[in-house]
Amino acid sequence: MATKKTSETEAATKQIEDVVEVGKKSVEQAMKASTKSYDQAISMTKEQVEKASEVFFKSYDEATALNKDSVDAVVKAGEVLTKGAETFGKAYYEIAQASAEASVEATKALMGAKTAKECVEIQAEFARTSLDNFLSESTRLSEVSVKVANEAFEPLQKQLNTSFEKAFKVPAL
């Protein structure tokens, strides 16, 4: 009977060892699977962080370039306005100078008039000429003003369009 008990004990021990071995293999497989999943999750997370960082830094570089371009556009518009103001000032000075010269000529003519009728005619001619000159020169000054405004706004408009295009462009991840 001792042999039977020993065989039963050995059989029971063998069963326990088999169960432990199967359990051990199951735990090892579970550990391998979870380690593999963990490694995949870390790898995917790393890839996503790298992509997001790349997009962020690209966007930052684009924003910096966009700001520089905006400042350049404002500077260019300022230069155009400065040149335009100079052109406008010169034109205004020319008008004032021509008006002063016409006034001097009219005054000389009035001084040389012999009759009151001549004085009235000289004065009427001076008034008509002055009004005609005023209307034509004010039109010229208006045209210069509009031209300068359009030229100054052009770089700003161009930069504004570029900014809107870049701002509403969806970044690719």
C-alpha atoms as a PDB file:
ATOM      1  CA  MET A   1       0.000   0.000   0.000  1.00  0.00           C
ATOM      2  CA  ALA A   2       2.943   2.278   0.483  1.00  0.00           C
ATOM      3  CA  THR A   3       3.638   2.016  -3.180  1.00  0.00           C
ATOM      4  CA  LYS A   4       0.082   2.926  -4.013  1.00  0.00           C
ATOM      5  CA  LYS A   5       0.216   5.952  -1.714  1.00  0.00           C
ATOM      6  CA  THR A   6       3.518   6.981  -3.205  1.00  0.00           C
ATOM      7  CA  SER A   7       2.083   6.631  -6.701  1.00  0.00           C
ATOM      8  CA  GLU A   8      -0.992   8.625  -5.718  1.00  0.00           C
ATOM      9  CA  THR A   9       1.209  11.249  -4.099  1.00  0.00           C
ATOM     10  CA  GLU A  10       3.399  11.375  -7.144  1.00  0.00           C
ATOM     11  CA  ALA A  11       0.341  11.596  -9.401  1.00  0.00           C
ATOM     12  CA  ALA A  12      -1.113  14.412  -7.257  1.00  0.00           C
ATOM     13  CA  THR A  13       2.248  16.163  -7.214  1.00  0.00           C
ATOM     14  CA  LYS A  14       2.500  15.717 -10.978  1.00  0.00           C
ATOM     15  CA  GLN A  15      -0.984  17.251 -11.408  1.00  0.00           C
ATOM     16  CA  ILE A  16      -0.091  20.189  -9.187  1.00  0.00           C
ATOM     17  CA  GLU A  17       3.161  20.669 -11.052  1.00  0.00           C
ATOM     18  CA  ASP A  18       1.288  20.534 -14.376  1.00  0.00           C
ATOM     19  CA  VAL A  19      -1.275  23.075 -13.133  1.00  0.00           C
ATOM     20  CA  VAL A  20       1.540  25.317 -11.836  1.00  0.00           C
ATOM     21  CA  GLU A  21       3.375  24.939 -15.152  1.00  0.00           C
ATOM     22  CA  VAL A  22       0.223  25.825 -17.122  1.00  0.00           C
ATOM     23  CA  GLY A  23      -0.399  28.781 -14.784  1.00  0.00           C
ATOM     24  CA  LYS A  24       3.211  29.862 -15.116  1.00  0.00           C
ATOM     25  CA  LYS A  25       2.969  29.706 -18.938  1.00  0.00           C
ATOM     26  CA  SER A  26      -0.317  31.672 -18.828  1.00  0.00           C
ATOM     27  CA  VAL A  27       1.256  34.365 -16.652  1.00  0.00           C
ATOM     28  CA  GLU A  28       4.309  34.493 -18.947  1.00  0.00           C
ATOM     29  CA  GLN A  29       2.064  34.846 -22.024  1.00  0.00           C
ATOM     30  CA  ALA A  30       0.008  37.535 -20.290  1.00  0.00           C
ATOM     31  CA  MET A  31       3.204  39.373 -19.308  1.00  0.00           C
ATOM     32  CA  LYS A  32       4.545  39.124 -22.875  1.00  0.00           C
ATOM     33  CA  ALA A  33       1.237  40.346 -24.310  1.00  0.00           C
ATOM     34  CA  SER A  34       0.953  43.241 -21.856  1.00  0.00           C
ATOM     35  CA  THR A  35       4.619  44.160 -22.355  1.00  0.00           C
ATOM     36  CA  LYS A  36       4.113  44.104 -26.123  1.00  0.00           C
ATOM     37  CA  SER A  37       0.942  46.241 -25.792  1.00  0.00           C
ATOM     38  CA  TYR A  38       2.749  48.596 -23.437  1.00  0.00           C
ATOM     39  CA  ASP A  39       5.670  48.918 -25.875  1.00  0.00           C
ATOM     40  CA  GLN A  40       3.244  49.563 -28.746  1.00  0.00           C
ATOM     41  CA  ALA A  41       1.380  52.179 -26.703  1.00  0.00           C
ATOM     42  CA  ILE A  42       4.646  53.922 -25.775  1.00  0.00           C
ATOM     43  CA  SER A  43       5.805  53.806 -29.397  1.00  0.00           C
ATOM     44  CA  MET A  44       2.507  55.219 -30.696  1.00  0.00           C
ATOM     45  CA  THR A  45       2.477  57.929 -28.034  1.00  0.00           C
ATOM     46  CA  LYS A  46       6.060  58.852 -28.872  1.00  0.00           C
ATOM     47  CA  GLU A  47       5.203  59.094 -32.580  1.00  0.00           C
ATOM     48  CA  GLN A  48       2.156  61.285 -31.866  1.00  0.00           C
ATOM     49  CA  VAL A  49       4.154  63.572 -29.563  1.00  0.00           C
ATOM     50  CA  GLU A  50       6.869  63.885 -32.234  1.00  0.00           C
ATOM     51  CA  LYS A  51       4.276  64.731 -34.901  1.00  0.00           C
ATOM     52  CA  ALA A  52       2.522  67.243 -32.637  1.00  0.00           C
ATOM     53  CA  SER A  53       5.850  68.845 -31.714  1.00  0.00           C
ATOM     54  CA  GLU A  54       6.832  69.046 -35.370  1.00  0.00           C
ATOM     55  CA  VAL A  55       3.519  70.703 -36.268  1.00  0.00           C
ATOM     56  CA  PHE A  56       3.797  73.070 -33.298  1.00  0.00           C
ATOM     57  CA  PHE A  57       7.304  74.201 -34.170  1.00  0.00           C
ATOM     58  CA  LYS A  58       6.412  74.510 -37.851  1.00  0.00           C
ATOM     59  CA  SER A  59       3.398  76.634 -36.876  1.00  0.00           C
ATOM     60  CA  TYR A  60       5.591  78.710 -34.577  1.00  0.00           C
ATOM     61  CA  ASP A  61       8.101  79.292 -37.385  1.00  0.00           C
ATOM     62  CA  GLU A  62       5.273  80.227 -39.760  1.00  0.00           C
ATOM     63  CA  ALA A  63       3.794  82.619 -37.187  1.00  0.00           C
ATOM     64  CA  THR A  64       7.187  84.249 -36.685  1.00  0.00           C
ATOM     65  CA  ALA A  65       7.642  84.631 -40.442  1.00  0.00           C
ATOM     66  CA  LEU A  66       4.093  85.973 -40.738  1.00  0.00           C
ATOM     67  CA  ASN A  67       4.758  88.579 -38.036  1.00  0.00           C
ATOM     68  CA  LYS A  68       7.964  89.636 -39.783  1.00  0.00           C
ATOM     69  CA  ASP A  69       6.099  89.912 -43.079  1.00  0.00           C
ATOM     70  CA  SER A  70       3.402  91.999 -41.378  1.00  0.00           C
ATOM     71  CA  VAL A  71       5.964  94.395 -39.930  1.00  0.00           C
ATOM     72  CA  ASP A  72       7.647  94.628 -43.336  1.00  0.00           C
ATOM     73  CA  ALA A  73       4.285  95.468 -44.939  1.00  0.00           C
ATOM     74  CA  VAL A  74       3.644  98.226 -42.385  1.00  0.00           C
ATOM     75  CA  VAL A  75       7.132  99.643 -42.970  1.00  0.00           C
ATOM     76  CA  LYS A  76       6.612  99.562 -46.747  1.00  0.00           C
ATOM     77  CA  ALA A  77       3.231 101.297 -46.368  1.00  0.00           C
ATOM     78  CA  GLY A  78       4.902 103.932 -44.172  1.00  0.00           C
ATOM     79  CA  GLU A  79       7.568 104.518 -46.804  1.00  0.00           C
ATOM     80  CA  VAL A  80       4.909 104.940 -49.497  1.00  0.00           C
ATOM     81  CA  LEU A  81       2.966 107.357 -47.282  1.00  0.00           C
ATOM     82  CA  THR A  82       6.116 109.359 -46.582  1.00  0.00           C
ATOM     83  CA  LYS A  83       6.940 109.649 -50.285  1.00  0.00           C
ATOM     84  CA  GLY A  84       3.299 110.457 -51.003  1.00  0.00           C
ATOM     85  CA  ALA A  85       3.248 113.187 -48.374  1.00  0.00           C
ATOM     86  CA  GLU A  86       6.393 114.609 -49.936  1.00  0.00           C
ATOM     87  CA  THR A  87       4.810 114.546 -53.405  1.00  0.00           C
ATOM     88  CA  PHE A  88       1.613 116.087 -52.044  1.00  0.00           C
ATOM     89  CA  GLY A  89       3.596 118.785 -50.209  1.00  0.00           C
ATOM     90  CA  LYS A  90       5.543 119.662 -53.349  1.00  0.00           C
ATOM     91  CA  ALA A  91       2.347 119.868 -55.405  1.00  0.00           C
ATOM     92  CA  TYR A  92       0.696 122.047 -52.754  1.00  0.00           C
ATOM     93  CA  TYR A  93       3.756 124.304 -52.630  1.00  0.00           C
ATOM     94  CA  GLU A  94       3.712 124.630 -56.443  1.00  0.00           C
ATOM     95  CA  ILE A  95       0.025 125.602 -56.312  1.00  0.00           C
ATOM     96  CA  ALA A  96       0.634 128.157 -53.569  1.00  0.00           C
ATOM     97  CA  GLN A  97       3.592 129.598 -55.437  1.00  0.00           C
ATOM     98  CA  ALA A  98       1.624 129.863 -58.716  1.00  0.00           C
ATOM     99  CA  SER A  99      -1.265 131.486 -56.838  1.00  0.00           C
ATOM    100  CA  ALA A 100       1.065 134.019 -55.215  1.00  0.00           C
ATOM    101  CA  GLU A 101       2.652 134.816 -58.570  1.00  0.00           C
ATOM    102  CA  ALA A 102      -0.802 135.257 -60.142  1.00  0.00           C
ATOM    103  CA  SER A 103      -1.788 137.570 -57.284  1.00  0.00           C
ATOM    104  CA  VAL A 104       1.335 139.687 -57.804  1.00  0.00           C
ATOM    105  CA  GLU A 105       0.618 139.926 -61.543  1.00  0.00           C
ATOM    106  CA  ALA A 106      -2.986 140.862 -60.881  1.00  0.00           C
ATOM    107  CA  THR A 107      -1.906 143.500 -58.366  1.00  0.00           C
ATOM    108  CA  LYS A 108       0.551 144.968 -60.872  1.00  0.00           C
ATOM    109  CA  ALA A 109      -2.162 145.039 -63.507  1.00  0.00           C
ATOM    110  CA  LEU A 110      -4.551 146.723 -61.077  1.00  0.00           C
ATOM    111  CA  MET A 111      -1.928 149.331 -60.274  1.00  0.00           C
ATOM    112  CA  GLY A 112      -1.537 150.063 -63.973  1.00  0.00           C
ATOM    113  CA  ALA A 113      -5.302 150.326 -64.642  1.00  0.00           C
ATOM    114  CA  LYS A 114      -6.438 153.725 -65.827  1.00  0.00           C
ATOM    115  CA  THR A 115     -10.202 153.370 -65.257  1.00  0.00           C
ATOM    116  CA  ALA A 116     -12.516 151.702 -62.784  1.00  0.00           C
ATOM    117  CA  LYS A 117     -13.872 149.539 -65.600  1.00  0.00           C
ATOM    118  CA  GLU A 118     -10.346 148.244 -66.261  1.00  0.00           C
ATOM    119  CA  CYS A 119      -9.951 147.460 -62.546  1.00  0.00           C
ATOM    120  CA  VAL A 120     -13.212 145.495 -62.519  1.00  0.00           C
ATOM    121  CA  GLU A 121     -12.203 143.557 -65.663  1.00  0.00           C
ATOM    122  CA  ILE A 122      -8.756 142.718 -64.223  1.00  0.00           C
ATOM    123  CA  GLN A 123     -10.309 141.645 -60.943  1.00  0.00           C
ATOM    124  CA  ALA A 124     -12.968 139.525 -62.715  1.00  0.00           C
ATOM    125  CA  GLU A 125     -10.320 137.849 -64.894  1.00  0.00           C
ATOM    126  CA  PHE A 126      -8.149 137.178 -61.824  1.00  0.00           C
ATOM    127  CA  ALA A 127     -11.109 135.691 -59.915  1.00  0.00           C
ATOM    128  CA  ARG A 128     -12.138 133.480 -62.855  1.00  0.00           C
ATOM    129  CA  THR A 129      -8.559 132.267 -63.445  1.00  0.00           C
ATOM    130  CA  SER A 130      -8.039 131.664 -59.720  1.00  0.00           C
ATOM    131  CA  LEU A 131     -11.245 129.614 -59.482  1.00  0.00           C
ATOM    132  CA  ASP A 132     -10.329 127.560 -62.571  1.00  0.00           C
ATOM    133  CA  ASN A 133      -6.841 126.943 -61.193  1.00  0.00           C
ATOM    134  CA  PHE A 134      -8.255 126.030 -57.779  1.00  0.00           C
ATOM    135  CA  LEU A 135     -10.650 123.473 -59.287  1.00  0.00           C
ATOM    136  CA  SER A 136      -8.043 121.864 -61.558  1.00  0.00           C
ATOM    137  CA  GLU A 137      -5.351 121.806 -58.862  1.00  0.00           C
ATOM    138  CA  SER A 138      -7.701 120.452 -56.190  1.00  0.00           C
ATOM    139  CA  THR A 139      -8.579 117.641 -58.618  1.00  0.00           C
ATOM    140  CA  ARG A 140      -4.877 116.961 -59.109  1.00  0.00           C
ATOM    141  CA  LEU A 141      -4.292 116.934 -55.329  1.00  0.00           C
ATOM    142  CA  SER A 142      -7.219 114.557 -54.879  1.00  0.00           C
ATOM    143  CA  GLU A 143      -5.802 112.229 -57.521  1.00  0.00           C
ATOM    144  CA  VAL A 144      -2.396 112.305 -55.824  1.00  0.00           C
ATOM    145  CA  SER A 145      -4.050 111.554 -52.469  1.00  0.00           C
ATOM    146  CA  VAL A 146      -6.034 108.613 -53.838  1.00  0.00           C
ATOM    147  CA  LYS A 147      -2.971 107.234 -55.622  1.00  0.00           C
ATOM    148  CA  VAL A 148      -0.851 107.459 -52.467  1.00  0.00           C
ATOM    149  CA  ALA A 149      -3.581 105.873 -50.336  1.00  0.00           C
ATOM    150  CA  ASN A 150      -3.970 102.979 -52.794  1.00  0.00           C
ATOM    151  CA  GLU A 151      -0.222 102.428 -53.059  1.00  0.00           C
ATOM    152  CA  ALA A 152       0.181 102.537 -49.267  1.00  0.00           C
ATOM    153  CA  PHE A 153      -2.700 100.127 -48.712  1.00  0.00           C
ATOM    154  CA  GLU A 154      -1.460  97.643 -51.326  1.00  0.00           C
ATOM    155  CA  PRO A 155       1.275  95.962 -49.197  1.00  0.00           C
ATOM    156  CA  LEU A 156      -1.070  95.904 -46.201  1.00  0.00           C
ATOM    157  CA  GLN A 157      -3.861  94.305 -48.253  1.00  0.00           C
ATOM    158  CA  LYS A 158      -1.471  91.742 -49.699  1.00  0.00           C
ATOM    159  CA  GLN A 159      -0.170  90.826 -46.237  1.00  0.00           C
ATOM    160  CA  LEU A 160      -3.693  90.681 -44.832  1.00  0.00           C
ATOM    161  CA  ASN A 161      -4.727  88.233 -47.561  1.00  0.00           C
ATOM    162  CA  THR A 162      -1.635  86.109 -46.922  1.00  0.00           C
ATOM    163  CA  SER A 163      -2.321  86.144 -43.177  1.00  0.00           C
ATOM    164  CA  PHE A 164      -5.915  85.003 -43.663  1.00  0.00           C
ATOM    165  CA  GLU A 165      -4.819  82.220 -46.010  1.00  0.00           C
ATOM    166  CA  LYS A 166      -2.258  80.962 -43.493  1.00  0.00           C
ATOM    167  CA  ALA A 167      -4.543  81.419 -40.494  1.00  0.00           C
ATOM    168  CA  PHE A 168      -7.344  79.351 -41.958  1.00  0.00           C
ATOM    169  CA  LYS A 169      -5.097  76.632 -43.398  1.00  0.00           C
ATOM    170  CA  VAL A 170      -5.645  73.437 -41.391  1.00  0.00           C
ATOM    171  CA  PRO A 171      -2.318  71.963 -40.217  1.00  0.00           C
ATOM    172  CA  ALA A 172      -1.739  68.294 -41.048  1.00  0.00           C
ATOM    173  CA  LEU A 173      -0.925  66.028 -38.103  1.00  0.00           C
END
